[in-house]
Amino acid sequence: MTLEKFQKMEEEELFKFIQNIFDIVKLLGHFARLWEIGKIYRLTSLARKIKAKADIISSAKDSGTKADSAMEALDLVLEYKRENPKDFEDIFAALENISQDYKNDPSKRQAIKDLLGKID
């Protein structure tokens, strides 16, 4: 999937994309610490805000607007990290575990490929 396609996703398509990601997460089990409604809400809200900035970056004609939007997106991530340090730590720990599983477990690698094949 390209960044351009992700940026142009409608609400329903984005929901299906996120649902597929959660299917992968459930398969791997490493995001168990994130399966709280508050955390899911905060992460989804962050993703929507970043997507809005990405939309501006892709449609802007001048580099100043693109740079401003990129820095605003970065600020959103940094603000999230400051306000939710445990969530942020859990996310990266889970991502590290998923990466290791992908590299070391052929059955999980295939399951991830199968789920990602559903996304397009």
Foldseek 3Di string as FASTA:
>chain_A
DDPVVVLPDDPVLVVVVVVLVVVLCVVLVLLVVQPDPVSVVLVVVLVVLLSVLVNQLVPDDDVVSNVVSVVVNVVSVVVCCVVPVVSVVSVVVSVVSLVVCCVPPVVSVVVNVVSVVVRD
